[in-house]
Amino acid sequence: MKFVVSATPSLNVLKGKWACLNWKKKYRRELRNYNLFAPKEKVKTTMTIQRFGSRILDLDNYHGGCKPLIDCLKEIKYIVDDRPEWCEIIFLPQVKTNRYFRKTEISISRYKTSNEKF
């Protein structure tokens, strides 16, 4: 499953508790359009994230800025958990783009416990 949401902010923007909550609300609204549903059984997932932004963030800001998005996917139970035993997260290189085309692309693949893709 592949979907697109607003560009993730940097970790510096998310330093306050309220900033993180506001971003989670924003992502919940955007993810509603995709009709995401919880899997019937607990499965491992591989999540690939690529950010298209008007500036390139350093690595820790890029990873930390994706936290509200990952937590939101966990809250709506689309992924079981974001711990390494349940979810492998791959951050693709960022792409510098015009500010009107800022976005974050997320691709999620689910695997059964025997590592078979379904």
Protein backbone atom coordinates (compact mmCIF):
# COMPACT_ATOMS: atom_id res chain seq x y z
CA MET A 1 0.00 0.00 0.00
CA LYS A 2 1.38 3.39 -0.95
CA PHE A 3 0.03 6.73 0.21
CA VAL A 4 1.06 10.38 0.33
CA VAL A 5 0.73 12.88 3.20
CA SER A 6 2.10 16.34 3.96
CA ALA A 7 5.85 16.74 4.21
CA THR A 8 7.11 15.75 7.65
CA PRO A 9 8.53 18.58 9.76
CA SER A 10 12.00 18.57 11.24
CA LEU A 11 12.57 17.31 14.76
CA ASN A 12 13.33 20.89 15.82
CA VAL A 13 9.77 21.90 14.93
CA LEU A 14 8.37 19.03 17.04
CA LYS A 15 10.17 19.86 20.28
CA GLY A 16 6.99 20.97 22.05
CA LYS A 17 4.30 18.49 23.16
CA TRP A 18 1.52 20.48 21.51
CA ALA A 19 3.35 20.67 18.19
CA CYS A 20 3.57 16.87 18.07
CA LEU A 21 -0.14 16.51 18.92
CA ASN A 22 -1.11 18.99 16.20
CA TRP A 23 0.88 17.07 13.59
CA LYS A 24 -0.78 13.81 14.67
CA LYS A 25 -4.22 15.41 14.19
CA LYS A 26 -3.18 16.61 10.74
CA TYR A 27 -1.98 13.14 9.71
CA ARG A 28 -5.14 11.48 11.06
CA ARG A 29 -7.24 13.78 8.85
CA GLU A 30 -5.09 13.02 5.80
CA LEU A 31 -5.02 9.26 6.40
CA ARG A 32 -8.83 9.10 6.63
CA ASN A 33 -8.97 9.53 2.85
CA TYR A 34 -7.14 6.22 2.34
CA ASN A 35 -9.61 4.00 4.26
CA LEU A 36 -6.82 2.19 6.09
CA PHE A 37 -7.88 -0.85 8.09
CA ALA A 38 -6.18 -2.90 10.75
CA PRO A 39 -4.85 -6.29 9.64
CA LYS A 40 -6.84 -9.30 10.84
CA GLU A 41 -3.76 -10.85 12.41
CA LYS A 42 -0.54 -9.44 13.77
CA VAL A 43 1.94 -9.25 10.93
CA LYS A 44 5.39 -7.78 10.44
CA THR A 45 5.62 -4.75 8.20
CA THR A 46 8.27 -2.97 6.20
CA MET A 47 7.70 0.76 5.91
CA THR A 48 9.54 2.90 3.37
CA ILE A 49 9.44 6.67 3.85
CA GLN A 50 10.62 9.30 1.39
CA ARG A 51 10.32 13.03 2.02
CA PHE A 52 10.04 15.64 -0.72
CA GLY A 53 10.76 19.06 0.78
CA SER A 54 11.88 22.54 -0.06
CA ARG A 55 15.05 21.94 1.95
CA ILE A 56 17.03 18.85 2.85
CA LEU A 57 17.01 18.03 6.58
CA ASP A 58 19.91 16.46 8.42
CA LEU A 59 19.44 12.80 9.25
CA ASP A 60 18.29 13.08 12.87
CA ASN A 61 15.75 15.79 12.03
CA TYR A 62 14.44 13.68 9.14
CA HIS A 63 13.98 10.57 11.28
CA GLY A 64 12.62 12.44 14.31
CA GLY A 65 10.20 14.44 12.18
CA CYS A 66 8.54 11.21 11.02
CA LYS A 67 7.63 10.20 14.59
CA PRO A 68 4.10 11.72 14.60
CA LEU A 69 3.32 9.97 11.30
CA ILE A 70 4.54 6.58 12.53
CA ASP A 71 2.73 7.01 15.86
CA CYS A 72 -0.46 7.92 14.02
CA LEU A 73 -0.25 4.73 11.93
CA LYS A 74 0.21 2.78 15.15
CA GLU A 75 -2.75 4.51 16.85
CA ILE A 76 -5.13 3.64 14.01
CA LYS A 77 -3.72 0.09 14.24
CA TYR A 78 -2.56 -0.02 10.63
CA ILE A 79 0.79 -1.25 11.92
CA VAL A 80 1.07 -3.47 15.00
CA ASP A 81 3.90 -1.53 16.64
CA ASP A 82 6.91 0.50 15.65
CA ARG A 83 9.36 -1.70 17.56
CA PRO A 84 12.02 -3.37 15.38
CA GLU A 85 10.53 -6.85 15.84
CA TRP A 86 7.24 -5.70 14.26
CA CYS A 87 8.22 -2.96 11.83
CA GLU A 88 11.29 -2.31 9.73
CA ILE A 89 11.49 1.36 8.75
CA ILE A 90 13.57 2.33 5.72
CA PHE A 91 14.24 6.02 5.14
CA LEU A 92 14.92 6.75 1.48
CA PRO A 93 17.02 9.78 0.53
CA GLN A 94 15.17 13.07 0.59
CA VAL A 95 14.32 14.92 -2.61
CA LYS A 96 14.59 18.69 -2.86
CA THR A 97 11.55 20.13 -4.59
CA ASN A 98 9.56 23.31 -5.00
CA ARG A 99 7.64 24.31 -1.86
CA TYR A 100 4.34 23.70 -3.67
CA PHE A 101 5.18 20.02 -4.16
CA ARG A 102 6.21 19.14 -0.58
CA LYS A 103 4.98 15.72 0.49
CA THR A 104 5.94 12.48 2.20
CA GLU A 105 5.43 9.15 0.45
CA ILE A 106 4.94 6.06 2.60
CA SER A 107 4.95 2.54 1.25
CA ILE A 108 3.99 -0.35 3.54
CA SER A 109 4.43 -4.05 2.85
CA ARG A 110 3.06 -6.68 5.22
CA TYR A 111 4.69 -10.03 5.85
CA LYS A 112 3.44 -13.13 7.59
CA THR A 113 5.58 -14.43 10.43
CA SER A 114 7.24 -16.92 8.08
CA ASN A 115 8.52 -13.91 6.07
CA GLU A 116 6.12 -14.57 3.21
CA LYS A 117 4.68 -11.44 1.66
CA PHE A 118 0.89 -11.34 1.37
